[in-house]
C-alpha atoms as a PDB file:
ATOM      1  CA  MET A   1      94.016  59.611-217.888  1.00  0.00           C
ATOM      2  CA  THR A   2      94.471  58.426-214.303  1.00  0.00           C
ATOM      3  CA  ALA A   3      98.196  57.798-214.760  1.00  0.00           C
ATOM      4  CA  ALA A   4      98.700  61.168-216.450  1.00  0.00           C
ATOM      5  CA  LEU A   5      96.781  62.993-213.727  1.00  0.00           C
ATOM      6  CA  ARG A   6      98.691  61.232-210.951  1.00  0.00           C
ATOM      7  CA  MET A   7     101.984  62.168-212.595  1.00  0.00           C
ATOM      8  CA  GLU A   8     100.906  65.803-212.992  1.00  0.00           C
ATOM      9  CA  LEU A   9      99.769  66.065-209.378  1.00  0.00           C
ATOM     10  CA  LEU A  10     103.158  64.794-208.236  1.00  0.00           C
ATOM     11  CA  ARG A  11     104.848  67.363-210.452  1.00  0.00           C
ATOM     12  CA  LEU A  12     102.620  70.113-209.099  1.00  0.00           C
ATOM     13  CA  ARG A  13     103.794  69.437-205.544  1.00  0.00           C
ATOM     14  CA  ARG A  14     107.396  70.123-206.632  1.00  0.00           C
ATOM     15  CA  ASP A  15     106.561  72.928-209.053  1.00  0.00           C
ATOM     16  CA  LEU A  16     109.164  75.659-208.521  1.00  0.00           C
ATOM     17  CA  THR A  17     107.386  77.799-211.106  1.00  0.00           C
ATOM     18  CA  LEU A  18     104.268  77.755-208.939  1.00  0.00           C
ATOM     19  CA  LEU A  19     106.321  78.572-205.853  1.00  0.00           C
ATOM     20  CA  GLY A  20     107.871  81.571-207.581  1.00  0.00           C
ATOM     21  CA  PHE A  21     104.483  82.887-208.687  1.00  0.00           C
ATOM     22  CA  LEU A  22     103.067  82.364-205.193  1.00  0.00           C
ATOM     23  CA  VAL A  23     105.835  84.421-203.604  1.00  0.00           C
ATOM     24  CA  TYR A  24     105.515  87.128-206.249  1.00  0.00           C
ATOM     25  CA  ALA A  25     101.720  87.288-205.906  1.00  0.00           C
ATOM     26  CA  ALA A  26     101.871  87.521-202.108  1.00  0.00           C
ATOM     27  CA  LEU A  27     104.572  90.204-202.023  1.00  0.00           C
ATOM     28  CA  THR A  28     103.193  92.429-204.771  1.00  0.00           C
ATOM     29  CA  THR A  29      99.651  92.218-203.431  1.00  0.00           C
ATOM     30  CA  ALA A  30     100.685  93.024-199.877  1.00  0.00           C
ATOM     31  CA  ILE A  31     102.816  95.982-200.981  1.00  0.00           C
ATOM     32  CA  SER A  32     100.147  97.426-203.280  1.00  0.00           C
ATOM     33  CA  VAL A  33      97.431  97.123-200.626  1.00  0.00           C
ATOM     34  CA  LEU A  34      99.601  98.589-197.853  1.00  0.00           C
ATOM     35  CA  THR A  35     100.579 101.558-199.996  1.00  0.00           C
ATOM     36  CA  GLY A  36      97.085 102.112-201.423  1.00  0.00           C
ATOM     37  CA  LYS A  37      94.081 103.935-200.065  1.00  0.00           C
ATOM     38  CA  ALA A  38      91.181 102.074-201.666  1.00  0.00           C
ATOM     39  CA  ALA A  39      88.317 100.623-199.635  1.00  0.00           C
ATOM     40  CA  PRO A  40      87.886  96.822-199.381  1.00  0.00           C
ATOM     41  CA  GLY A  41      85.080  96.859-201.943  1.00  0.00           C
ATOM     42  CA  VAL A  42      87.468  98.294-204.522  1.00  0.00           C
ATOM     43  CA  THR A  43      90.705  96.700-203.354  1.00  0.00           C
ATOM     44  CA  PHE A  44      89.729  93.060-203.800  1.00  0.00           C
ATOM     45  CA  PRO A  45      88.361  93.345-207.373  1.00  0.00           C
ATOM     46  CA  VAL A  46      91.605  95.075-208.391  1.00  0.00           C
ATOM     47  CA  VAL A  47      93.689  92.420-206.632  1.00  0.00           C
ATOM     48  CA  CYS A  48      91.608  89.752-208.354  1.00  0.00           C
ATOM     49  CA  LEU A  49      92.087  91.280-211.806  1.00  0.00           C
ATOM     50  CA  GLN A  50      95.839  91.672-211.361  1.00  0.00           C
ATOM     51  CA  THR A  51      96.250  88.164-209.989  1.00  0.00           C
ATOM     52  CA  ALA A  52      94.073  86.647-212.714  1.00  0.00           C
ATOM     53  CA  LEU A  53      96.461  88.037-215.331  1.00  0.00           C
ATOM     54  CA  LEU A  54      99.358  86.669-213.293  1.00  0.00           C
ATOM     55  CA  THR A  55      97.816  83.194-213.263  1.00  0.00           C
ATOM     56  CA  ALA A  56      97.477  83.349-217.057  1.00  0.00           C
ATOM     57  CA  PHE A  57     101.199  84.034-217.271  1.00  0.00           C
ATOM     58  CA  TYR A  58     101.799  81.163-214.859  1.00  0.00           C
ATOM     59  CA  GLY A  59      99.953  78.756-217.142  1.00  0.00           C
ATOM     60  CA  ALA A  60     101.915  79.839-220.203  1.00  0.00           C
ATOM     61  CA  VAL A  61     105.263  79.723-218.422  1.00  0.00           C
ATOM     62  CA  ARG A  62     104.524  76.373-216.787  1.00  0.00           C
ATOM     63  CA  PHE A  63     104.034  74.694-220.136  1.00  0.00           C
ATOM     64  CA  THR A  64     106.940  76.335-221.943  1.00  0.00           C
ATOM     65  CA  ILE A  65     109.371  75.441-219.148  1.00  0.00           C
ATOM     66  CA  ALA A  66     108.162  71.841-219.171  1.00  0.00           C
ATOM     67  CA  TYR A  67     108.427  71.803-222.950  1.00  0.00           C
ATOM     68  CA  ARG A  68     111.970  73.215-222.999  1.00  0.00           C
ATOM     69  CA  HIS A  69     113.218  70.709-220.421  1.00  0.00           C
ATOM     70  CA  GLY A  70     111.670  67.653-222.048  1.00  0.00           C
ATOM     71  CA  VAL A  71     109.064  67.096-219.328  1.00  0.00           C
ATOM     72  CA  VAL A  72     106.268  67.004-221.889  1.00  0.00           C
ATOM     73  CA  ALA A  73     108.102  64.517-224.086  1.00  0.00           C
ATOM     74  CA  ARG A  74     108.760  62.216-221.112  1.00  0.00           C
ATOM     75  CA  ALA A  75     105.116  62.413-220.071  1.00  0.00           C
ATOM     76  CA  LEU A  76     104.094  61.181-223.514  1.00  0.00           C
ATOM     77  CA  LEU A  77     106.091  58.000-222.911  1.00  0.00           C
ATOM     78  CA  LEU A  78     103.593  57.074-220.185  1.00  0.00           C
ATOM     79  CA  ALA A  79     100.302  58.330-221.621  1.00  0.00           C
ATOM     80  CA  ARG A  80      98.712  59.534-224.829  1.00  0.00           C
ATOM     81  CA  ARG A  81      98.688  63.183-225.822  1.00  0.00           C
ATOM     82  CA  GLY A  82      95.039  63.821-225.018  1.00  0.00           C
ATOM     83  CA  PRO A  83      95.183  62.619-221.396  1.00  0.00           C
ATOM     84  CA  VAL A  84      98.517  64.394-220.869  1.00  0.00           C
ATOM     85  CA  LEU A  85      97.104  67.720-222.061  1.00  0.00           C
ATOM     86  CA  CYS A  86      93.923  67.261-220.033  1.00  0.00           C
ATOM     87  CA  ALA A  87      95.822  66.378-216.851  1.00  0.00           C
ATOM     88  CA  THR A  88      98.244  69.256-217.326  1.00  0.00           C
ATOM     89  CA  THR A  89      95.367  71.671-217.806  1.00  0.00           C
ATOM     90  CA  CYS A  90      93.622  70.426-214.660  1.00  0.00           C
ATOM     91  CA  THR A  91      96.694  70.764-212.450  1.00  0.00           C
ATOM     92  CA  THR A  92      97.505  74.167-213.924  1.00  0.00           C
ATOM     93  CA  ALA A  93      93.981  75.300-213.045  1.00  0.00           C
ATOM     94  CA  ILE A  94      94.590  74.107-209.482  1.00  0.00           C
ATOM     95  CA  GLY A  95      97.871  76.027-209.378  1.00  0.00           C
ATOM     96  CA  GLY A  96      96.134  79.164-210.631  1.00  0.00           C
ATOM     97  CA  ALA A  97      93.482  78.898-207.939  1.00  0.00           C
ATOM     98  CA  VAL A  98      96.194  78.489-205.292  1.00  0.00           C
ATOM     99  CA  ILE A  99      97.925  81.648-206.537  1.00  0.00           C
ATOM    100  CA  MET A 100      94.663  83.584-206.297  1.00  0.00           C
ATOM    101  CA  PHE A 101      93.953  82.226-202.807  1.00  0.00           C
ATOM    102  CA  VAL A 102      97.401  83.261-201.586  1.00  0.00           C
ATOM    103  CA  ALA A 103      97.044  86.712-203.164  1.00  0.00           C
ATOM    104  CA  PHE A 104      93.676  87.195-201.483  1.00  0.00           C
ATOM    105  CA  GLY A 105      95.138  86.073-198.163  1.00  0.00           C
ATOM    106  CA  ALA A 106      98.063  88.475-198.444  1.00  0.00           C
ATOM    107  CA  GLY A 107      95.746  91.280-199.507  1.00  0.00           C
ATOM    108  CA  ALA A 108      93.342  90.636-196.634  1.00  0.00           C
ATOM    109  CA  LEU A 109      96.130  90.627-194.054  1.00  0.00           C
ATOM    110  CA  ALA A 110      97.650  93.792-195.486  1.00  0.00           C
ATOM    111  CA  LEU A 111      94.273  95.549-195.618  1.00  0.00           C
ATOM    112  CA  LEU A 112      93.486  94.460-192.070  1.00  0.00           C
ATOM    113  CA  ALA A 113      96.833  95.818-190.892  1.00  0.00           C
ATOM    114  CA  ARG A 114      96.158  99.108-192.704  1.00  0.00           C
ATOM    115  CA  THR A 115      92.532  99.681-191.678  1.00  0.00           C
ATOM    116  CA  GLY A 116      91.839  97.401-188.736  1.00  0.00           C
ATOM    117  CA  ALA A 117      88.292  96.914-190.067  1.00  0.00           C
ATOM    118  CA  LEU A 118      87.823  93.158-189.801  1.00  0.00           C
ATOM    119  CA  THR A 119      84.180  93.167-190.873  1.00  0.00           C
ATOM    120  CA  GLY A 120      84.833  95.341-193.931  1.00  0.00           C
ATOM    121  CA  VAL A 121      87.795  93.236-195.011  1.00  0.00           C
ATOM    122  CA  ALA A 122      85.870  89.983-194.604  1.00  0.00           C
ATOM    123  CA  THR A 123      82.852  91.325-196.500  1.00  0.00           C
ATOM    124  CA  GLY A 124      84.969  92.655-199.357  1.00  0.00           C
ATOM    125  CA  LEU A 125      86.910  89.417-199.615  1.00  0.00           C
ATOM    126  CA  LEU A 126      83.918  87.090-199.562  1.00  0.00           C
ATOM    127  CA  ALA A 127      82.149  89.182-202.210  1.00  0.00           C
ATOM    128  CA  VAL A 128      84.833  88.503-204.799  1.00  0.00           C
ATOM    129  CA  LEU A 129      86.393  85.208-203.639  1.00  0.00           C
ATOM    130  CA  PRO A 130      84.212  82.787-205.690  1.00  0.00           C
ATOM    131  CA  ALA A 131      84.665  84.814-208.886  1.00  0.00           C
ATOM    132  CA  GLY A 132      88.377  85.125-208.205  1.00  0.00           C
ATOM    133  CA  LEU A 133      88.950  81.401-207.792  1.00  0.00           C
ATOM    134  CA  LEU A 134      86.962  80.670-210.946  1.00  0.00           C
ATOM    135  CA  LEU A 135      88.823  83.311-212.959  1.00  0.00           C
ATOM    136  CA  SER A 136      92.228  82.150-211.773  1.00  0.00           C
ATOM    137  CA  ALA A 137      91.521  78.540-212.727  1.00  0.00           C
ATOM    138  CA  VAL A 138      90.135  79.521-216.130  1.00  0.00           C
ATOM    139  CA  LEU A 139      92.875  82.013-216.991  1.00  0.00           C
ATOM    140  CA  ALA A 140      95.663  79.711-215.817  1.00  0.00           C
ATOM    141  CA  SER A 141      94.219  77.064-218.131  1.00  0.00           C
ATOM    142  CA  TRP A 142      93.972  79.667-220.880  1.00  0.00           C
ATOM    143  CA  GLY A 143      97.654  80.511-220.498  1.00  0.00           C
ATOM    144  CA  LEU A 144      98.622  76.859-220.609  1.00  0.00           C
ATOM    145  CA  LEU A 145      96.596  76.241-223.768  1.00  0.00           C
ATOM    146  CA  VAL A 146      98.131  79.276-225.469  1.00  0.00           C
ATOM    147  CA  GLY A 147     101.522  77.949-224.387  1.00  0.00           C
ATOM    148  CA  THR A 148     100.853  74.612-226.082  1.00  0.00           C
ATOM    149  CA  ILE A 149     100.200  76.499-229.306  1.00  0.00           C
ATOM    150  CA  VAL A 150     103.045  79.047-229.172  1.00  0.00           C
ATOM    151  CA  ARG A 151     105.593  77.000-227.164  1.00  0.00           C
ATOM    152  CA  HIS A 152     108.143  79.809-227.016  1.00  0.00           C
ATOM    153  CA  HIS A 153     109.023  80.847-223.469  1.00  0.00           C
ATOM    154  CA  VAL A 154     109.028  84.584-224.313  1.00  0.00           C
ATOM    155  CA  LEU A 155     106.259  84.744-226.901  1.00  0.00           C
ATOM    156  CA  ALA A 156     103.781  82.528-225.017  1.00  0.00           C
ATOM    157  CA  PRO A 157     103.133  84.978-222.121  1.00  0.00           C
ATOM    158  CA  LEU A 158     102.914  87.834-224.621  1.00  0.00           C
ATOM    159  CA  ALA A 159     100.448  85.905-226.791  1.00  0.00           C
ATOM    160  CA  THR A 160      98.445  85.061-223.668  1.00  0.00           C
ATOM    161  CA  ALA A 161      98.121  88.703-222.658  1.00  0.00           C
ATOM    162  CA  VAL A 162      97.217  89.794-226.179  1.00  0.00           C
ATOM    163  CA  SER A 163      94.621  87.049-226.641  1.00  0.00           C
ATOM    164  CA  LEU A 164      92.943  87.947-223.367  1.00  0.00           C
ATOM    165  CA  PHE A 165      93.090  91.710-223.182  1.00  0.00           C
ATOM    166  CA  ALA A 166      93.539  93.099-226.698  1.00  0.00           C
ATOM    167  CA  PRO A 167      89.709  93.218-227.086  1.00  0.00           C
ATOM    168  CA  LEU A 168      89.630  95.852-224.325  1.00  0.00           C
ATOM    169  CA  LEU A 169      90.940  98.257-226.976  1.00  0.00           C
ATOM    170  CA  ILE A 170      87.656  97.933-228.888  1.00  0.00           C
ATOM    171  CA  PRO A 171      85.786 101.225-228.331  1.00  0.00           C
ATOM    172  CA  TRP A 172      82.312  99.647-228.092  1.00  0.00           C
ATOM    173  CA  PRO A 173      81.509  98.152-224.651  1.00  0.00           C
ATOM    174  CA  GLU A 174      78.722  96.001-226.085  1.00  0.00           C
ATOM    175  CA  ILE A 175      81.250  94.215-228.301  1.00  0.00           C
ATOM    176  CA  ARG A 176      84.020  94.089-225.704  1.00  0.00           C
ATOM    177  CA  ARG A 177      81.863  92.092-223.329  1.00  0.00           C
ATOM    178  CA  VAL A 178      81.573  89.102-225.686  1.00  0.00           C
ATOM    179  CA  PHE A 179      85.315  88.431-225.306  1.00  0.00           C
ATOM    180  CA  PRO A 180      87.025  86.789-222.305  1.00  0.00           C
ATOM    181  CA  ALA A 181      88.206  90.124-220.936  1.00  0.00           C
ATOM    182  CA  GLY A 182      84.653  91.456-221.054  1.00  0.00           C
ATOM    183  CA  SER A 183      83.205  88.530-219.127  1.00  0.00           C
ATOM    184  CA  THR A 184      86.084  88.802-216.658  1.00  0.00           C
ATOM    185  CA  MET A 185      85.277  92.456-216.006  1.00  0.00           C
ATOM    186  CA  SER A 186      81.592  91.562-215.637  1.00  0.00           C
ATOM    187  CA  LEU A 187      82.339  88.977-212.965  1.00  0.00           C
ATOM    188  CA  LEU A 188      84.308  91.560-211.018  1.00  0.00           C
ATOM    189  CA  GLY A 189      81.693  94.293-211.404  1.00  0.00           C
ATOM    190  CA  LEU A 190      84.070  96.482-213.426  1.00  0.00           C
ATOM    191  CA  SER A 191      82.253  96.440-216.766  1.00  0.00           C
ATOM    192  CA  GLU A 192      80.285  99.322-218.265  1.00  0.00           C
ATOM    193  CA  HIS A 193      77.775  96.893-219.802  1.00  0.00           C
ATOM    194  CA  PRO A 194      78.048  93.818-217.573  1.00  0.00           C
ATOM    195  CA  TRP A 195      76.639  90.360-218.147  1.00  0.00           C
ATOM    196  CA  LEU A 196      74.688  88.675-215.415  1.00  0.00           C
ATOM    197  CA  VAL A 197      76.931  86.230-213.582  1.00  0.00           C
ATOM    198  CA  PRO A 198      75.605  83.049-215.299  1.00  0.00           C
ATOM    199  CA  ALA A 199      75.987  84.659-218.728  1.00  0.00           C
ATOM    200  CA  ALA A 200      79.509  85.902-217.931  1.00  0.00           C
ATOM    201  CA  VAL A 201      80.568  82.431-216.769  1.00  0.00           C
ATOM    202  CA  THR A 202      79.044  80.869-219.890  1.00  0.00           C
ATOM    203  CA  VAL A 203      80.883  83.273-222.194  1.00  0.00           C
ATOM    204  CA  LEU A 204      84.182  82.733-220.396  1.00  0.00           C
ATOM    205  CA  LEU A 205      83.900  78.937-220.398  1.00  0.00           C
ATOM    206  CA  GLY A 206      82.747  78.962-224.028  1.00  0.00           C
ATOM    207  CA  TRP A 207      85.909  80.762-225.100  1.00  0.00           C
ATOM    208  CA  LEU A 208      88.014  78.396-222.992  1.00  0.00           C
ATOM    209  CA  LEU A 209      86.376  75.382-224.642  1.00  0.00           C
ATOM    210  CA  ALA A 210      87.013  76.822-228.106  1.00  0.00           C
ATOM    211  CA  LEU A 211      90.668  77.416-227.259  1.00  0.00           C
ATOM    212  CA  ALA A 212      90.944  73.924-225.732  1.00  0.00           C
ATOM    213  CA  LEU A 213      89.657  72.341-228.927  1.00  0.00           C
ATOM    214  CA  LEU A 214      92.135  74.320-231.027  1.00  0.00           C
ATOM    215  CA  ALA A 215      95.062  73.605-228.708  1.00  0.00           C
ATOM    216  CA  SER A 216      94.161  69.918-228.444  1.00  0.00           C
ATOM    217  CA  GLY A 217      94.019  69.541-232.217  1.00  0.00           C
ATOM    218  CA  LEU A 218      97.411  71.191-232.693  1.00  0.00           C
ATOM    219  CA  PHE A 219      98.903  69.273-229.755  1.00  0.00           C
ATOM    220  CA  GLN A 220      97.793  65.972-231.255  1.00  0.00           C
ATOM    221  CA  VAL A 221      99.502  66.568-234.600  1.00  0.00           C
ATOM    222  CA  GLY A 222     102.465  68.777-233.703  1.00  0.00           C
ATOM    223  CA  ASP A 223     106.044  67.611-233.241  1.00  0.00           C
ATOM    224  CA  LEU A 224     107.222  67.611-229.626  1.00  0.00           C
ATOM    225  CA  LYS A 225     110.737  67.423-228.255  1.00  0.00           C
END
């Protein structure tokens, strides 16, 4: 596990996929905040939700690119499949949190430039920052795990989005909230029937654990390039 994690951390430092997502997150967040009119209390939850979905795409794309270019196969020459998947998931979670942090920073600067209200911006940011970092790490890991199952560079992001947000189409809020999207909305205060924060975190992590077990089982037995 140590060797696999060290290798993944080195790869993360040179991760051009992460760099691209960081630039995209910063630019799109800054533009949307500068052109919007929402107050800080509304702006940051929306930024968080948009960026969380982006980090899920990052996780899926990060794995499929590594898979297509033989990075995964080379990693398995140095470590077993379980440690490789675990290390990759951990570093992807870190990358997702970095994307969210950069998006929040860009949003805060843009909102400060638009309103000049330092106290309001700081209060709005701090209110959602812990939930945002948690969501970005979890959803980036989610995307990666879906990517290990689907493995196709086009279908993996699509499958990630569907697996996360298709339950929002369910017309009953009480049922929607038991899915990852429902707990995500609860953490951001955007749900009609929200969980308390500990319950929302438990639901979200429970789904992630279930997906991790499925992805790990398929990763252990599947053929890899």
